[in-house]
Amino acid sequence: MFYWIYGVPSLALVALFSVTFVGFVWLGIILTRSRVRRWVAPEEDWNEIMGLVLSAYGVFYGIVLGLIAVGTHQNFEELDQTVEQEAATLGTLYRDVSGYPEPIQDELQAMQRGYCRFIIEEAWPAQQRGVITEGGTARVTAFEQKLLAFEPETPGQEVLHAETIREFNAFVEARRQRLYGV
C-alpha cells in the first residue's frame, strides 16, 4: 500500500515529515488562536504555564522516542539472528547434500546456489521495500521435491537422507521466520 515510502531517501523523508507536521501545527494555531486567547486571557503567568506544558510534552516525547528506538533495535536483532540461523541451516544442508551420490548431489547443490543468488540479488532488495517475492518459494519447493524423490540404497544413505530432511525442515522454519519478519 505505502511501499513507495521505502524508495524515498531518508533526508527527503525527514524534510517531508517535518514540513507536514509543522504545517499542521501552524494551521491549528491559526485556526484556534482566538478561542484560546479568550479562554486563557485572564492568566497572568502565561509564560510559566507554557513552560510547564512544553516540558511535559518534551518528557513524553523523549519517552516515546526512546521506546521506539529500543523496539526497533530489538526487532533488528531478532531478524538478524533469524537470517543467521537461515544461513547456517542452508550451509549445513549444503554439506549434508555433498554426501549424496553424484547425479543428485550436483543438482541439489546447484539448486541451493541458485536459491542463494536469488535471495541476495532479488529477494533482499525487494524486502528492503517491504515486498516479499514469490520466486524463493518456488525454488524451495523444487528443492524439496528433488530431495524427497531420492531413494537411499544403503543404511548410511538412509541415515544421511533422514538428517538432510531434518536440516531441510529447520531451514524452512528459519526461512518462514525471516519472511514473517519482513
Protein backbone atom coordinates (compact mmCIF):
# COMPACT_ATOMS: atom_id res chain seq x y z
CA MET A 1 0.00 0.00 0.00
CA PHE A 2 2.62 2.56 1.06
CA TYR A 3 5.61 0.76 -0.48
CA TRP A 4 6.72 3.95 -2.24
CA ILE A 5 7.96 5.25 1.12
CA TYR A 6 10.83 2.71 1.12
CA GLY A 7 12.22 4.29 -2.04
CA VAL A 8 12.36 7.83 -0.63
CA PRO A 9 15.80 8.88 0.65
CA SER A 10 15.96 9.35 4.44
CA LEU A 11 16.83 13.06 4.28
CA ALA A 12 13.89 13.77 1.98
CA LEU A 13 11.60 11.77 4.26
CA VAL A 14 12.71 13.77 7.31
CA ALA A 15 12.06 17.01 5.43
CA LEU A 16 8.64 15.79 4.24
CA PHE A 17 7.52 14.78 7.74
CA SER A 18 8.89 17.95 9.32
CA VAL A 19 7.16 20.23 6.82
CA THR A 20 3.90 18.27 7.09
CA PHE A 21 3.71 18.21 10.87
CA VAL A 22 4.91 21.79 11.37
CA GLY A 23 2.36 22.87 8.77
CA PHE A 24 -0.46 21.12 10.65
CA VAL A 25 0.64 22.71 13.93
CA TRP A 26 0.74 26.18 12.38
CA LEU A 27 -2.66 25.67 10.81
CA GLY A 28 -4.04 24.53 14.17
CA ILE A 29 -2.56 27.56 15.92
CA ILE A 30 -4.00 29.97 13.35
CA LEU A 31 -7.47 28.38 13.47
CA THR A 32 -7.71 28.12 17.27
CA ARG A 33 -5.86 31.30 18.27
CA SER A 34 -8.89 33.47 19.01
CA ARG A 35 -10.63 30.77 21.08
CA VAL A 36 -7.52 30.05 23.12
CA ARG A 37 -6.98 33.77 23.82
CA ARG A 38 -10.49 34.14 25.21
CA TRP A 39 -10.09 31.02 27.30
CA VAL A 40 -6.71 31.88 28.89
CA ALA A 41 -6.60 35.68 28.64
CA PRO A 42 -7.06 36.30 32.39
CA GLU A 43 -3.95 34.25 33.24
CA GLU A 44 -1.02 36.44 34.31
CA ASP A 45 1.61 33.71 34.44
CA TRP A 46 1.07 32.54 30.87
CA ASN A 47 4.79 32.03 30.18
CA GLU A 48 5.18 29.82 33.24
CA ILE A 49 2.17 27.70 32.22
CA MET A 50 3.53 27.32 28.69
CA GLY A 51 6.92 26.30 30.08
CA LEU A 52 5.30 23.55 32.15
CA VAL A 53 3.24 22.33 29.20
CA LEU A 54 6.27 22.25 26.90
CA SER A 55 8.43 20.44 29.45
CA ALA A 56 5.72 17.79 29.96
CA TYR A 57 5.45 17.42 26.20
CA GLY A 58 9.23 17.06 25.96
CA VAL A 59 9.28 14.34 28.62
CA PHE A 60 6.54 12.33 26.89
CA TYR A 61 8.18 12.83 23.50
CA GLY A 62 11.53 11.61 24.88
CA ILE A 63 9.96 8.53 26.45
CA VAL A 64 8.09 7.63 23.27
CA LEU A 65 11.19 8.19 21.15
CA GLY A 66 13.27 6.02 23.47
CA LEU A 67 10.72 3.21 23.44
CA ILE A 68 10.52 3.31 19.64
CA ALA A 69 14.32 3.16 19.39
CA VAL A 70 14.52 0.19 21.78
CA GLY A 71 11.72 -1.65 19.96
CA THR A 72 13.33 -1.05 16.58
CA HIS A 73 16.69 -2.29 17.83
CA GLN A 74 15.14 -5.42 19.34
CA ASN A 75 13.30 -6.19 16.09
CA PHE A 76 16.50 -5.72 14.12
CA GLU A 77 18.45 -8.03 16.45
CA GLU A 78 15.78 -10.75 16.25
CA LEU A 79 15.62 -10.57 12.47
CA ASP A 80 19.41 -10.55 12.20
CA GLN A 81 19.54 -13.69 14.33
CA THR A 82 16.88 -15.32 12.12
CA VAL A 83 18.86 -14.53 8.97
CA GLU A 84 21.98 -16.00 10.58
CA GLN A 85 20.04 -19.13 11.51
CA GLU A 86 18.72 -19.49 7.95
CA ALA A 87 22.22 -19.09 6.52
CA ALA A 88 23.65 -21.63 8.98
CA THR A 89 20.99 -24.24 8.21
CA LEU A 90 21.46 -23.65 4.48
CA GLY A 91 25.21 -24.20 4.88
CA THR A 92 24.63 -27.38 6.87
CA LEU A 93 22.14 -28.57 4.28
CA TYR A 94 24.72 -27.94 1.54
CA ARG A 95 27.25 -30.01 3.47
CA ASP A 96 24.74 -32.83 4.02
CA VAL A 97 23.85 -32.89 0.33
CA SER A 98 27.54 -33.29 -0.55
CA GLY A 99 27.31 -36.86 0.77
CA TYR A 100 24.69 -37.88 -1.76
CA PRO A 101 25.54 -39.89 -4.90
CA GLU A 102 26.90 -37.88 -7.81
CA PRO A 103 23.96 -37.13 -10.14
CA ILE A 104 21.59 -35.86 -7.46
CA GLN A 105 24.35 -34.20 -5.43
CA ASP A 106 25.24 -31.77 -8.23
CA GLU A 107 21.58 -30.98 -8.93
CA LEU A 108 20.73 -30.27 -5.28
CA GLN A 109 23.83 -28.14 -4.73
CA ALA A 110 23.14 -26.19 -7.93
CA MET A 111 19.60 -25.56 -6.72
CA GLN A 112 20.93 -24.28 -3.40
CA ARG A 113 23.41 -21.95 -5.11
CA GLY A 114 20.59 -20.65 -7.32
CA TYR A 115 18.43 -20.06 -4.26
CA CYS A 116 21.24 -18.13 -2.53
CA ARG A 117 21.83 -15.95 -5.60
CA PHE A 118 18.10 -15.27 -5.88
CA ILE A 119 17.83 -14.29 -2.21
CA ILE A 120 20.86 -12.00 -2.30
CA GLU A 121 20.28 -10.37 -5.69
CA GLU A 122 16.48 -10.18 -5.93
CA ALA A 123 14.65 -11.03 -2.69
CA TRP A 124 16.61 -8.85 -0.24
CA PRO A 125 16.36 -5.67 -2.35
CA ALA A 126 12.60 -6.30 -2.66
CA GLN A 127 12.34 -6.95 1.09
CA GLN A 128 14.01 -3.62 1.75
CA ARG A 129 10.96 -2.10 0.09
CA GLY A 130 8.68 -4.34 2.19
CA VAL A 131 7.77 -6.69 -0.68
CA ILE A 132 8.02 -10.47 -0.41
CA THR A 133 8.88 -12.10 -3.72
CA GLU A 134 7.42 -15.44 -4.76
CA GLY A 135 10.50 -16.87 -6.53
CA GLY A 136 12.07 -18.18 -3.33
CA THR A 137 9.09 -20.38 -2.52
CA ALA A 138 9.19 -21.99 -5.96
CA ARG A 139 12.91 -22.72 -5.58
CA VAL A 140 12.47 -24.24 -2.11
CA THR A 141 9.56 -26.37 -3.35
CA ALA A 142 11.59 -27.64 -6.32
CA PHE A 143 14.48 -28.50 -3.98
CA GLU A 144 12.13 -30.32 -1.62
CA GLN A 145 10.61 -32.37 -4.44
CA LYS A 146 14.06 -33.36 -5.73
CA LEU A 147 15.25 -34.22 -2.20
CA LEU A 148 12.20 -36.32 -1.35
CA ALA A 149 12.39 -38.16 -4.67
CA PHE A 150 15.78 -39.64 -3.68
CA GLU A 151 15.64 -43.30 -2.63
CA PRO A 152 18.55 -44.33 -0.35
CA GLU A 153 20.20 -47.63 -1.26
CA THR A 154 22.43 -48.25 1.77
CA PRO A 155 21.91 -47.84 5.53
CA GLY A 156 24.44 -44.99 5.50
CA GLN A 157 22.47 -43.17 2.82
CA GLU A 158 19.27 -43.69 4.86
CA VAL A 159 20.84 -42.00 7.89
CA LEU A 160 22.23 -39.17 5.75
CA HIS A 161 18.89 -38.71 3.99
CA ALA A 162 16.99 -38.57 7.30
CA GLU A 163 19.45 -35.98 8.67
CA THR A 164 19.24 -33.96 5.46
CA ILE A 165 15.44 -33.89 5.64
CA ARG A 166 15.62 -32.79 9.29
CA GLU A 167 18.03 -30.00 8.35
CA PHE A 168 15.82 -29.03 5.42
CA ASN A 169 12.87 -28.65 7.80
CA ALA A 170 14.98 -26.43 10.09
CA PHE A 171 15.93 -24.34 7.05
CA VAL A 172 12.27 -23.96 6.02
CA GLU A 173 11.34 -22.86 9.55
CA ALA A 174 14.14 -20.25 9.63
CA ARG A 175 13.07 -19.04 6.19
CA ARG A 176 9.47 -18.64 7.35
CA GLN A 177 10.60 -16.64 10.38
CA ARG A 178 12.65 -14.34 8.16
CA LEU A 179 9.73 -13.77 5.80
CA TYR A 180 7.45 -13.12 8.76
CA GLY A 181 9.93 -10.51 9.97
CA VAL A 182 9.65 -8.66 6.69
